[in-house]
């Protein structure tokens, strides 16, 4: 059997993957994750760092926490959020490399002389 053959995902696994990609499909959530990449922050810290409105930050953190992407711990009256699923940055890097490669290929095709 070929070594490159990947195991096929079952329906539950496909749903889980689609759910994670759905969570990551919101730009404000990606903005929050990017801010948290530097280290744990409170909602106020995230508002300050991202420029997003407090209500939106709280809502999006709830979605990210429910998906297991971020975690929350209490520090007195503050809730401090941190990354629980660092693989999201690998996913983002992979997607960005793919987009950049596709753009480079399209630009090269446009530069080719037609003949």
PDB file of N, CA and C in Angstrom:
ATOM      1  N   UNK A   1       0.838  -1.186   0.000  1.00  0.00           N
ATOM      2  CA  UNK A   1       0.000   0.000   0.000  1.00  0.00           C
ATOM      3  C   UNK A   1       0.882   1.249   0.000  1.00  0.00           C
ATOM      4  N   UNK A   2       0.460   2.281  -0.659  1.00  0.00           N
ATOM      5  CA  UNK A   2       1.249   3.512  -0.778  1.00  0.00           C
ATOM      6  C   UNK A   2       1.406   4.184   0.579  1.00  0.00           C
ATOM      7  N   UNK A   3       2.603   4.692   0.857  1.00  0.00           N
ATOM      8  CA  UNK A   3       2.872   5.355   2.129  1.00  0.00           C
ATOM      9  C   UNK A   3       2.171   6.708   2.239  1.00  0.00           C
ATOM     10  N   UNK A   4       1.894   7.362   1.118  1.00  0.00           N
ATOM     11  CA  UNK A   4       1.282   8.688   1.127  1.00  0.00           C
ATOM     12  C   UNK A   4      -0.225   8.655   1.356  1.00  0.00           C
ATOM     13  N   UNK A   5      -0.814   7.481   1.380  1.00  0.00           N
ATOM     14  CA  UNK A   5      -2.266   7.363   1.529  1.00  0.00           C
ATOM     15  C   UNK A   5      -2.653   7.814   2.934  1.00  0.00           C
ATOM     16  N   UNK A   6      -3.573   8.736   3.002  1.00  0.00           N
ATOM     17  CA  UNK A   6      -4.061   9.271   4.271  1.00  0.00           C
ATOM     18  C   UNK A   6      -5.300   8.507   4.699  1.00  0.00           C
ATOM     19  N   UNK A   7      -5.470   8.392   6.011  1.00  0.00           N
ATOM     20  CA  UNK A   7      -6.677   7.764   6.545  1.00  0.00           C
ATOM     21  C   UNK A   7      -7.870   8.655   6.239  1.00  0.00           C
ATOM     22  N   UNK A   8      -8.943   8.061   5.776  1.00  0.00           N
ATOM     23  CA  UNK A   8     -10.171   8.807   5.488  1.00  0.00           C
ATOM     24  C   UNK A   8     -10.856   9.139   6.795  1.00  0.00           C
ATOM     25  N   UNK A   9     -11.409  10.339   6.859  1.00  0.00           N
ATOM     26  CA  UNK A   9     -12.121  10.765   8.057  1.00  0.00           C
ATOM     27  C   UNK A   9     -13.550  10.257   8.025  1.00  0.00           C
ATOM     28  N   UNK A  10     -14.058   9.902   9.208  1.00  0.00           N
ATOM     29  CA  UNK A  10     -15.463   9.509   9.265  1.00  0.00           C
ATOM     30  C   UNK A  10     -16.326  10.767   9.380  1.00  0.00           C
ATOM     31  N   UNK A  11     -17.633  10.596   9.384  1.00  0.00           N
ATOM     32  CA  UNK A  11     -18.564  11.737   9.370  1.00  0.00           C
ATOM     33  C   UNK A  11     -18.374  12.649  10.586  1.00  0.00           C
ATOM     34  N   UNK A  12     -18.155  12.068  11.757  1.00  0.00           N
ATOM     35  CA  UNK A  12     -17.974  12.878  12.968  1.00  0.00           C
ATOM     36  C   UNK A  12     -16.686  13.701  12.883  1.00  0.00           C
ATOM     37  N   UNK A  13     -15.634  13.091  12.360  1.00  0.00           N
ATOM     38  CA  UNK A  13     -14.369  13.815  12.210  1.00  0.00           C
ATOM     39  C   UNK A  13     -14.500  14.942  11.189  1.00  0.00           C
ATOM     40  N   UNK A  14     -15.191  14.680  10.094  1.00  0.00           N
ATOM     41  CA  UNK A  14     -15.413  15.720   9.089  1.00  0.00           C
ATOM     42  C   UNK A  14     -16.202  16.880   9.679  1.00  0.00           C
ATOM     43  N   UNK A  15     -17.212  16.565  10.483  1.00  0.00           N
ATOM     44  CA  UNK A  15     -17.985  17.619  11.151  1.00  0.00           C
ATOM     45  C   UNK A  15     -17.103  18.445  12.078  1.00  0.00           C
ATOM     46  N   UNK A  16     -16.215  17.784  12.814  1.00  0.00           N
ATOM     47  CA  UNK A  16     -15.321  18.488  13.734  1.00  0.00           C
ATOM     48  C   UNK A  16     -14.374  19.413  12.980  1.00  0.00           C
ATOM     49  N   UNK A  17     -13.813  18.935  11.882  1.00  0.00           N
ATOM     50  CA  UNK A  17     -12.903  19.752  11.071  1.00  0.00           C
ATOM     51  C   UNK A  17     -13.660  20.933  10.479  1.00  0.00           C
ATOM     52  N   UNK A  18     -14.841  20.682   9.935  1.00  0.00           N
ATOM     53  CA  UNK A  18     -15.650  21.767   9.367  1.00  0.00           C
ATOM     54  C   UNK A  18     -16.017  22.785  10.442  1.00  0.00           C
ATOM     55  N   UNK A  19     -16.317  22.303  11.639  1.00  0.00           N
ATOM     56  CA  UNK A  19     -16.636  23.211  12.739  1.00  0.00           C
ATOM     57  C   UNK A  19     -15.469  24.113  13.088  1.00  0.00           C
ATOM     58  N   UNK A  20     -14.269  23.548  13.146  1.00  0.00           N
ATOM     59  CA  UNK A  20     -13.084  24.359  13.456  1.00  0.00           C
ATOM     60  C   UNK A  20     -12.839  25.384  12.363  1.00  0.00           C
ATOM     61  N   UNK A  21     -12.940  24.969  11.103  1.00  0.00           N
ATOM     62  CA  UNK A  21     -12.749  25.933  10.015  1.00  0.00           C
ATOM     63  C   UNK A  21     -13.822  27.009  10.052  1.00  0.00           C
ATOM     64  N   UNK A  22     -15.029  26.650  10.462  1.00  0.00           N
ATOM     65  CA  UNK A  22     -16.093  27.649  10.621  1.00  0.00           C
ATOM     66  C   UNK A  22     -15.748  28.665  11.689  1.00  0.00           C
ATOM     67  N   UNK A  23     -15.205  28.194  12.787  1.00  0.00           N
ATOM     68  CA  UNK A  23     -14.784  29.099  13.869  1.00  0.00           C
ATOM     69  C   UNK A  23     -13.688  30.037  13.372  1.00  0.00           C
ATOM     70  N   UNK A  24     -12.775  29.519  12.587  1.00  0.00           N
ATOM     71  CA  UNK A  24     -11.646  30.316  12.096  1.00  0.00           C
ATOM     72  C   UNK A  24     -12.006  31.191  10.901  1.00  0.00           C
ATOM     73  N   UNK A  25     -13.223  31.078  10.398  1.00  0.00           N
ATOM     74  CA  UNK A  25     -13.629  31.826   9.203  1.00  0.00           C
ATOM     75  C   UNK A  25     -14.016  33.274   9.503  1.00  0.00           C
ATOM     76  N   UNK A  26     -14.046  33.664  10.752  1.00  0.00           N
ATOM     77  CA  UNK A  26     -14.437  35.026  11.141  1.00  0.00           C
ATOM     78  C   UNK A  26     -13.180  35.869  11.361  1.00  0.00           C
ATOM     79  N   UNK A  27     -12.983  36.942  10.567  1.00  0.00           N
ATOM     80  CA  UNK A  27     -11.764  37.753  10.692  1.00  0.00           C
ATOM     81  C   UNK A  27     -11.525  38.314  12.100  1.00  0.00           C
ATOM     82  N   UNK A  28     -12.566  38.695  12.814  1.00  0.00           N
ATOM     83  CA  UNK A  28     -12.337  39.245  14.155  1.00  0.00           C
ATOM     84  C   UNK A  28     -11.790  38.173  15.098  1.00  0.00           C
ATOM     85  N   UNK A  29     -12.188  36.922  14.909  1.00  0.00           N
ATOM     86  CA  UNK A  29     -11.630  35.846  15.738  1.00  0.00           C
ATOM     87  C   UNK A  29     -10.154  35.640  15.422  1.00  0.00           C
ATOM     88  N   UNK A  30      -9.800  35.729  14.155  1.00  0.00           N
ATOM     89  CA  UNK A  30      -8.387  35.612  13.775  1.00  0.00           C
ATOM     90  C   UNK A  30      -7.580  36.775  14.347  1.00  0.00           C
ATOM     91  N   UNK A  31      -8.178  37.955  14.373  1.00  0.00           N
ATOM     92  CA  UNK A  31      -7.518  39.120  14.965  1.00  0.00           C
ATOM     93  C   UNK A  31      -7.245  38.875  16.444  1.00  0.00           C
ATOM     94  N   UNK A  32      -8.219  38.328  17.146  1.00  0.00           N
ATOM     95  CA  UNK A  32      -8.048  38.026  18.576  1.00  0.00           C
ATOM     96  C   UNK A  32      -6.968  36.970  18.780  1.00  0.00           C
ATOM     97  N   UNK A  33      -6.978  35.932  17.961  1.00  0.00           N
ATOM     98  CA  UNK A  33      -5.959  34.892  18.082  1.00  0.00           C
ATOM     99  C   UNK A  33      -4.569  35.454  17.829  1.00  0.00           C
ATOM    100  N   UNK A  34      -4.462  36.331  16.853  1.00  0.00           N
ATOM    101  CA  UNK A  34      -3.170  36.955  16.556  1.00  0.00           C
ATOM    102  C   UNK A  34      -2.679  37.750  17.759  1.00  0.00           C
ATOM    103  N   UNK A  35      -3.589  38.469  18.419  1.00  0.00           N
ATOM    104  CA  UNK A  35      -3.216  39.242  19.612  1.00  0.00           C
ATOM    105  C   UNK A  35      -2.799  38.309  20.743  1.00  0.00           C
ATOM    106  N   UNK A  36      -3.488  37.194  20.896  1.00  0.00           N
ATOM    107  CA  UNK A  36      -3.170  36.250  21.967  1.00  0.00           C
ATOM    108  C   UNK A  36      -1.903  35.455  21.692  1.00  0.00           C
ATOM    109  N   UNK A  37      -1.444  35.473  20.467  1.00  0.00           N
ATOM    110  CA  UNK A  37      -0.215  34.751  20.131  1.00  0.00           C
ATOM    111  C   UNK A  37       0.967  35.285  20.938  1.00  0.00           C
ATOM    112  N   UNK A  38       0.927  36.568  21.283  1.00  0.00           N
ATOM    113  CA  UNK A  38       2.010  37.174  22.060  1.00  0.00           C
ATOM    114  C   UNK A  38       1.920  36.826  23.542  1.00  0.00           C
ATOM    115  N   UNK A  39       0.774  36.298  23.979  1.00  0.00           N
ATOM    116  CA  UNK A  39       0.619  35.917  25.378  1.00  0.00           C
ATOM    117  C   UNK A  39      -0.789  36.194  25.871  1.00  0.00           C
ATOM    118  N   UNK A  40      -1.129  35.683  27.064  1.00  0.00           N
ATOM    119  CA  UNK A  40      -2.467  35.829  27.617  1.00  0.00           C
ATOM    120  C   UNK A  40      -2.869  37.287  27.825  1.00  0.00           C
ATOM    121  N   UNK A  41      -4.157  37.567  27.615  1.00  0.00           N
ATOM    122  CA  UNK A  41      -4.689  38.916  27.783  1.00  0.00           C
ATOM    123  C   UNK A  41      -6.107  38.865  28.334  1.00  0.00           C
ATOM    124  N   UNK A  42      -6.487  39.930  28.993  1.00  0.00           N
ATOM    125  CA  UNK A  42      -7.864  40.109  29.435  1.00  0.00           C
ATOM    126  C   UNK A  42      -8.686  40.663  28.277  1.00  0.00           C
ATOM    127  N   UNK A  43     -10.003  40.726  28.469  1.00  0.00           N
ATOM    128  CA  UNK A  43     -10.864  41.320  27.450  1.00  0.00           C
ATOM    129  C   UNK A  43     -10.432  42.757  27.185  1.00  0.00           C
ATOM    130  N   UNK A  44     -10.186  43.504  28.253  1.00  0.00           N
ATOM    131  CA  UNK A  44      -9.735  44.894  28.094  1.00  0.00           C
ATOM    132  C   UNK A  44      -8.439  44.996  27.319  1.00  0.00           C
ATOM    133  N   UNK A  45      -7.504  44.098  27.600  1.00  0.00           N
ATOM    134  CA  UNK A  45      -6.242  44.084  26.871  1.00  0.00           C
ATOM    135  C   UNK A  45      -6.445  43.768  25.396  1.00  0.00           C
ATOM    136  N   UNK A  46      -7.374  42.865  25.131  1.00  0.00           N
ATOM    137  CA  UNK A  46      -7.670  42.519  23.736  1.00  0.00           C
ATOM    138  C   UNK A  46      -8.355  43.667  23.012  1.00  0.00           C
ATOM    139  N   UNK A  47      -9.242  44.371  23.712  1.00  0.00           N
ATOM    140  CA  UNK A  47      -9.890  45.547  23.117  1.00  0.00           C
ATOM    141  C   UNK A  47      -8.830  46.580  22.759  1.00  0.00           C
ATOM    142  N   UNK A  48      -7.924  46.815  23.691  1.00  0.00           N
ATOM    143  CA  UNK A  48      -6.859  47.804  23.470  1.00  0.00           C
ATOM    144  C   UNK A  48      -5.934  47.382  22.324  1.00  0.00           C
ATOM    145  N   UNK A  49      -5.557  46.127  22.302  1.00  0.00           N
ATOM    146  CA  UNK A  49      -4.604  45.643  21.304  1.00  0.00           C
ATOM    147  C   UNK A  49      -5.209  45.548  19.908  1.00  0.00           C
ATOM    148  N   UNK A  50      -6.505  45.225  19.815  1.00  0.00           N
ATOM    149  CA  UNK A  50      -7.111  44.975  18.506  1.00  0.00           C
ATOM    150  C   UNK A  50      -7.945  46.124  17.965  1.00  0.00           C
ATOM    151  N   UNK A  51      -8.445  46.980  18.847  1.00  0.00           N
ATOM    152  CA  UNK A  51      -9.326  48.050  18.405  1.00  0.00           C
ATOM    153  C   UNK A  51     -10.762  47.592  18.187  1.00  0.00           C
ATOM    154  N   UNK A  52     -11.049  46.330  18.498  1.00  0.00           N
ATOM    155  CA  UNK A  52     -12.414  45.822  18.387  1.00  0.00           C
ATOM    156  C   UNK A  52     -13.239  46.306  19.571  1.00  0.00           C
ATOM    157  N   UNK A  53     -14.531  46.337  19.406  1.00  0.00           N
ATOM    158  CA  UNK A  53     -15.425  46.759  20.491  1.00  0.00           C
ATOM    159  C   UNK A  53     -15.501  45.653  21.545  1.00  0.00           C
ATOM    160  N   UNK A  54     -15.685  46.071  22.795  1.00  0.00           N
ATOM    161  CA  UNK A  54     -15.695  45.133  23.921  1.00  0.00           C
ATOM    162  C   UNK A  54     -16.757  44.054  23.754  1.00  0.00           C
ATOM    163  N   UNK A  55     -17.953  44.426  23.324  1.00  0.00           N
ATOM    164  CA  UNK A  55     -19.026  43.442  23.162  1.00  0.00           C
ATOM    165  C   UNK A  55     -18.657  42.399  22.111  1.00  0.00           C
ATOM    166  N   UNK A  56     -18.024  42.833  21.026  1.00  0.00           N
ATOM    167  CA  UNK A  56     -17.609  41.906  19.976  1.00  0.00           C
ATOM    168  C   UNK A  56     -16.491  40.997  20.471  1.00  0.00           C
ATOM    169  N   UNK A  57     -15.533  41.556  21.208  1.00  0.00           N
ATOM    170  CA  UNK A  57     -14.435  40.754  21.754  1.00  0.00           C
ATOM    171  C   UNK A  57     -15.000  39.662  22.659  1.00  0.00           C
ATOM    172  N   UNK A  58     -15.902  40.034  23.555  1.00  0.00           N
ATOM    173  CA  UNK A  58     -16.489  39.060  24.475  1.00  0.00           C
ATOM    174  C   UNK A  58     -17.248  37.974  23.721  1.00  0.00           C
ATOM    175  N   UNK A  59     -18.029  38.367  22.740  1.00  0.00           N
ATOM    176  CA  UNK A  59     -18.806  37.402  21.954  1.00  0.00           C
ATOM    177  C   UNK A  59     -17.890  36.431  21.222  1.00  0.00           C
ATOM    178  N   UNK A  60     -16.868  36.960  20.544  1.00  0.00           N
ATOM    179  CA  UNK A  60     -15.973  36.116  19.752  1.00  0.00           C
ATOM    180  C   UNK A  60     -15.118  35.222  20.649  1.00  0.00           C
ATOM    181  N   UNK A  61     -14.728  35.713  21.822  1.00  0.00           N
ATOM    182  CA  UNK A  61     -13.986  34.867  22.760  1.00  0.00           C
ATOM    183  C   UNK A  61     -14.844  33.703  23.229  1.00  0.00           C
ATOM    184  N   UNK A  62     -16.138  33.941  23.400  1.00  0.00           N
ATOM    185  CA  UNK A  62     -17.040  32.864  23.779  1.00  0.00           C
ATOM    186  C   UNK A  62     -17.077  31.772  22.730  1.00  0.00           C
ATOM    187  N   UNK A  63     -17.108  32.168  21.471  1.00  0.00           N
ATOM    188  CA  UNK A  63     -17.106  31.190  20.369  1.00  0.00           C
ATOM    189  C   UNK A  63     -15.780  30.424  20.365  1.00  0.00           C
ATOM    190  N   UNK A  64     -14.677  31.146  20.489  1.00  0.00           N
ATOM    191  CA  UNK A  64     -13.355  30.512  20.484  1.00  0.00           C
ATOM    192  C   UNK A  64     -13.183  29.575  21.679  1.00  0.00           C
ATOM    193  N   UNK A  65     -13.702  29.974  22.828  1.00  0.00           N
ATOM    194  CA  UNK A  65     -13.593  29.133  24.019  1.00  0.00           C
ATOM    195  C   UNK A  65     -14.463  27.878  23.874  1.00  0.00           C
ATOM    196  N   UNK A  66     -15.672  28.032  23.378  1.00  0.00           N
ATOM    197  CA  UNK A  66     -16.562  26.882  23.188  1.00  0.00           C
ATOM    198  C   UNK A  66     -15.950  25.859  22.234  1.00  0.00           C
ATOM    199  N   UNK A  67     -15.171  26.334  21.273  1.00  0.00           N
ATOM    200  CA  UNK A  67     -14.517  25.450  20.307  1.00  0.00           C
ATOM    201  C   UNK A  67     -13.213  24.862  20.845  1.00  0.00           C
ATOM    202  N   UNK A  68     -12.779  25.310  22.019  1.00  0.00           N
ATOM    203  CA  UNK A  68     -11.544  24.808  22.601  1.00  0.00           C
ATOM    204  C   UNK A  68     -10.290  25.449  22.051  1.00  0.00           C
ATOM    205  N   UNK A  69     -10.451  26.519  21.303  1.00  0.00           N
ATOM    206  CA  UNK A  69      -9.292  27.189  20.699  1.00  0.00           C
ATOM    207  C   UNK A  69      -8.579  28.060  21.720  1.00  0.00           C
ATOM    208  N   UNK A  70      -9.338  28.707  22.603  1.00  0.00           N
ATOM    209  CA  UNK A  70      -8.760  29.504  23.685  1.00  0.00           C
ATOM    210  C   UNK A  70      -9.274  28.976  25.019  1.00  0.00           C
ATOM    211  N   UNK A  71      -8.510  29.272  26.053  1.00  0.00           N
ATOM    212  CA  UNK A  71      -8.908  28.940  27.416  1.00  0.00           C
ATOM    213  C   UNK A  71      -9.047  30.212  28.223  1.00  0.00           C
ATOM    214  N   UNK A  72      -9.741  30.103  29.349  1.00  0.00           N
ATOM    215  CA  UNK A  72      -9.956  31.262  30.223  1.00  0.00           C
ATOM    216  C   UNK A  72      -9.648  30.853  31.649  1.00  0.00           C
ATOM    217  N   UNK A  73      -8.939  31.741  32.344  1.00  0.00           N
ATOM    218  CA  UNK A  73      -8.737  31.534  33.778  1.00  0.00           C
ATOM    219  C   UNK A  73      -9.040  32.846  34.486  1.00  0.00           C
ATOM    220  N   UNK A  74      -9.441  32.741  35.703  1.00  0.00           N
ATOM    221  CA  UNK A  74      -9.772  33.917  36.514  1.00  0.00           C
ATOM    222  C   UNK A  74      -8.530  34.420  37.227  1.00  0.00           C
ATOM    223  N   UNK A  75      -8.395  35.736  37.254  1.00  0.00           N
ATOM    224  CA  UNK A  75      -7.351  36.416  38.027  1.00  0.00           C
ATOM    225  C   UNK A  75      -8.059  37.542  38.758  1.00  0.00           C
ATOM    226  N   UNK A  76      -8.584  37.235  39.950  1.00  0.00           N
ATOM    227  CA  UNK A  76      -9.422  38.206  40.651  1.00  0.00           C
ATOM    228  C   UNK A  76     -10.715  38.393  39.881  1.00  0.00           C
ATOM    229  N   UNK A  77     -11.012  39.636  39.536  1.00  0.00           N
ATOM    230  CA  UNK A  77     -12.213  39.936  38.770  1.00  0.00           C
ATOM    231  C   UNK A  77     -12.010  39.815  37.261  1.00  0.00           C
ATOM    232  N   UNK A  78     -10.758  39.632  36.844  1.00  0.00           N
ATOM    233  CA  UNK A  78     -10.450  39.572  35.417  1.00  0.00           C
ATOM    234  C   UNK A  78     -10.488  38.140  34.889  1.00  0.00           C
ATOM    235  N   UNK A  79     -10.948  37.995  33.674  1.00  0.00           N
ATOM    236  CA  UNK A  79     -10.825  36.736  32.942  1.00  0.00           C
ATOM    237  C   UNK A  79      -9.660  36.911  31.978  1.00  0.00           C
ATOM    238  N   UNK A  80      -8.713  36.011  32.073  1.00  0.00           N
ATOM    239  CA  UNK A  80      -7.523  36.062  31.229  1.00  0.00           C
ATOM    240  C   UNK A  80      -7.623  34.936  30.204  1.00  0.00           C
ATOM    241  N   UNK A  81      -7.494  35.307  28.941  1.00  0.00           N
ATOM    242  CA  UNK A  81      -7.624  34.351  27.838  1.00  0.00           C
ATOM    243  C   UNK A  81      -6.252  34.006  27.280  1.00  0.00           C
ATOM    244  N   UNK A  82      -6.108  32.751  26.867  1.00  0.00           N
ATOM    245  CA  UNK A  82      -4.855  32.290  26.266  1.00  0.00           C
ATOM    246  C   UNK A  82      -5.169  31.230  25.213  1.00  0.00           C
ATOM    247  N   UNK A  83      -4.204  30.948  24.383  1.00  0.00           N
ATOM    248  CA  UNK A  83      -4.334  29.961  23.314  1.00  0.00           C
ATOM    249  C   UNK A  83      -4.293  28.560  23.921  1.00  0.00           C
ATOM    250  N   UNK A  84      -5.268  27.738  23.575  1.00  0.00           N
ATOM    251  CA  UNK A  84      -5.280  26.326  23.985  1.00  0.00           C
ATOM    252  C   UNK A  84      -4.981  25.411  22.812  1.00  0.00           C
ATOM    253  N   UNK A  85      -5.112  25.917  21.595  1.00  0.00           N
ATOM    254  CA  UNK A  85      -4.934  25.086  20.403  1.00  0.00           C
ATOM    255  C   UNK A  85      -3.934  25.786  19.474  1.00  0.00           C
ATOM    256  N   UNK A  86      -2.633  25.680  19.793  1.00  0.00           N
ATOM    257  CA  UNK A  86      -1.638  26.399  18.984  1.00  0.00           C
ATOM    258  C   UNK A  86      -1.599  25.972  17.524  1.00  0.00           C
ATOM    259  N   UNK A  87      -2.161  24.826  17.200  1.00  0.00           N
ATOM    260  CA  UNK A  87      -2.129  24.394  15.803  1.00  0.00           C
ATOM    261  C   UNK A  87      -2.884  25.343  14.880  1.00  0.00           C
ATOM    262  N   UNK A  88      -3.725  26.220  15.416  1.00  0.00           N
ATOM    263  CA  UNK A  88      -4.428  27.168  14.544  1.00  0.00           C
ATOM    264  C   UNK A  88      -3.433  28.067  13.815  1.00  0.00           C
ATOM    265  N   UNK A  89      -2.297  28.349  14.437  1.00  0.00           N
ATOM    266  CA  UNK A  89      -1.295  29.198  13.781  1.00  0.00           C
ATOM    267  C   UNK A  89      -0.617  28.438  12.647  1.00  0.00           C
ATOM    268  N   UNK A  90      -0.422  27.136  12.819  1.00  0.00           N
ATOM    269  CA  UNK A  90       0.119  26.317  11.732  1.00  0.00           C
ATOM    270  C   UNK A  90      -0.866  26.281  10.568  1.00  0.00           C
ATOM    271  N   UNK A  91      -2.153  26.145  10.880  1.00  0.00           N
ATOM    272  CA  UNK A  91      -3.179  26.164   9.831  1.00  0.00           C
ATOM    273  C   UNK A  91      -3.150  27.485   9.078  1.00  0.00           C
ATOM    274  N   UNK A  92      -3.093  28.583   9.829  1.00  0.00           N
ATOM    275  CA  UNK A  92      -3.077  29.910   9.197  1.00  0.00           C
ATOM    276  C   UNK A  92      -1.831  30.087   8.327  1.00  0.00           C
ATOM    277  N   UNK A  93      -0.681  29.633   8.826  1.00  0.00           N
ATOM    278  CA  UNK A  93       0.552  29.730   8.041  1.00  0.00           C
ATOM    279  C   UNK A  93       0.448  28.918   6.755  1.00  0.00           C
ATOM    280  N   UNK A  94      -0.117  27.720   6.856  1.00  0.00           N
ATOM    281  CA  UNK A  94      -0.275  26.866   5.686  1.00  0.00           C
ATOM    282  C   UNK A  94      -1.188  27.523   4.658  1.00  0.00           C
ATOM    283  N   UNK A  95      -2.310  28.065   5.124  1.00  0.00           N
ATOM    284  CA  UNK A  95      -3.245  28.737   4.219  1.00  0.00           C
ATOM    285  C   UNK A  95      -2.589  29.959   3.588  1.00  0.00           C
ATOM    286  N   UNK A  96      -1.875  30.744   4.382  1.00  0.00           N
ATOM    287  CA  UNK A  96      -1.218  31.941   3.839  1.00  0.00           C
ATOM    288  C   UNK A  96      -0.177  31.583   2.788  1.00  0.00           C
ATOM    289  N   UNK A  97       0.595  30.518   3.024  1.00  0.00           N
ATOM    290  CA  UNK A  97       1.572  30.076   2.015  1.00  0.00           C
ATOM    291  C   UNK A  97       0.858  29.652   0.740  1.00  0.00           C
ATOM    292  N   UNK A  98      -0.251  28.940   0.874  1.00  0.00           N
ATOM    293  CA  UNK A  98      -1.006  28.513  -0.295  1.00  0.00           C
ATOM    294  C   UNK A  98      -1.572  29.683  -1.077  1.00  0.00           C
ATOM    295  N   UNK A  99      -2.108  30.663  -0.369  1.00  0.00           N
ATOM    296  CA  UNK A  99      -2.660  31.852  -1.029  1.00  0.00           C
ATOM    297  C   UNK A  99      -1.546  32.625  -1.741  1.00  0.00           C
ATOM    298  N   UNK A 100      -0.400  32.768  -1.068  1.00  0.00           N
ATOM    299  CA  UNK A 100       0.725  33.488  -1.677  1.00  0.00           C
ATOM    300  C   UNK A 100       1.229  32.757  -2.923  1.00  0.00           C
ATOM    301  N   UNK A 101       1.305  31.439  -2.845  1.00  0.00           N
ATOM    302  CA  UNK A 101       1.760  30.661  -3.996  1.00  0.00           C
ATOM    303  C   UNK A 101       0.776  30.792  -5.156  1.00  0.00           C
ATOM    304  N   UNK A 102      -0.497  30.724  -4.856  1.00  0.00           N
ATOM    305  CA  UNK A 102      -1.518  30.857  -5.901  1.00  0.00           C
ATOM    306  C   UNK A 102      -1.450  32.244  -6.539  1.00  0.00           C
ATOM    307  N   UNK A 103      -1.264  33.275  -5.723  1.00  0.00           N
ATOM    308  CA  UNK A 103      -1.169  34.633  -6.255  1.00  0.00           C
ATOM    309  C   UNK A 103       0.072  34.778  -7.134  1.00  0.00           C
ATOM    310  N   UNK A 104       1.184  34.197  -6.714  1.00  0.00           N
ATOM    311  CA  UNK A 104       2.416  34.267  -7.507  1.00  0.00           C
ATOM    312  C   UNK A 104       2.246  33.553  -8.845  1.00  0.00           C
ATOM    313  N   UNK A 105       1.574  32.414  -8.821  1.00  0.00           N
ATOM    314  CA  UNK A 105       1.343  31.675 -10.065  1.00  0.00           C
ATOM    315  C   UNK A 105       0.434  32.458 -11.009  1.00  0.00           C
ATOM    316  N   UNK A 106      -0.581  33.100 -10.458  1.00  0.00           N
ATOM    317  CA  UNK A 106      -1.484  33.905 -11.285  1.00  0.00           C
ATOM    318  C   UNK A 106      -0.755  35.115 -11.862  1.00  0.00           C
ATOM    319  N   UNK A 107       0.094  35.749 -11.056  1.00  0.00           N
ATOM    320  CA  UNK A 107       0.850  36.901 -11.535  1.00  0.00           C
ATOM    321  C   UNK A 107       1.822  36.475 -12.632  1.00  0.00           C
ATOM    322  N   UNK A 108       2.470  35.327 -12.459  1.00  0.00           N
ATOM    323  CA  UNK A 108       3.397  34.828 -13.482  1.00  0.00           C
ATOM    324  C   UNK A 108       2.654  34.526 -14.777  1.00  0.00           C
ATOM    325  N   UNK A 109       1.465  33.970 -14.667  1.00  0.00           N
ATOM    326  CA  UNK A 109       0.676  33.665 -15.866  1.00  0.00           C
ATOM    327  C   UNK A 109       0.286  34.941 -16.603  1.00  0.00           C
ATOM    328  N   UNK A 110       0.017  35.994 -15.883  1.00  0.00           N
ATOM    329  CA  UNK A 110      -0.347  37.268 -16.511  1.00  0.00           C
ATOM    330  C   UNK A 110       0.845  37.932 -17.200  1.00  0.00           C
ATOM    331  N   UNK A 111       2.056  37.650 -16.706  1.00  0.00           N
ATOM    332  CA  UNK A 111       3.268  38.248 -17.300  1.00  0.00           C
ATOM    333  C   UNK A 111       3.725  37.513 -18.537  1.00  0.00           C
ATOM    334  N   UNK A 112       3.303  36.268 -18.712  1.00  0.00           N
ATOM    335  CA  UNK A 112       3.733  35.488 -19.878  1.00  0.00           C
ATOM    336  C   UNK A 112       3.212  36.107 -21.158  1.00  0.00           C
ATOM    337  N   UNK A 113       4.070  36.172 -22.136  1.00  0.00           N
ATOM    338  CA  UNK A 113       3.604  36.699 -23.433  1.00  0.00           C
ATOM    339  C   UNK A 113       2.598  35.749 -24.064  1.00  0.00           C
ATOM    340  N   UNK A 114       1.613  36.318 -24.660  1.00  0.00           N
ATOM    341  CA  UNK A 114       0.611  35.502 -25.364  1.00  0.00           C
ATOM    342  C   UNK A 114       1.074  35.327 -26.803  1.00  0.00           C
ATOM    343  N   UNK A 115       0.836  34.208 -27.283  1.00  0.00           N
ATOM    344  CA  UNK A 115       1.340  34.070 -28.607  1.00  0.00           C
ATOM    345  C   UNK A 115       0.602  33.182 -29.455  1.00  0.00           C
TER     346      UNK A 115
END
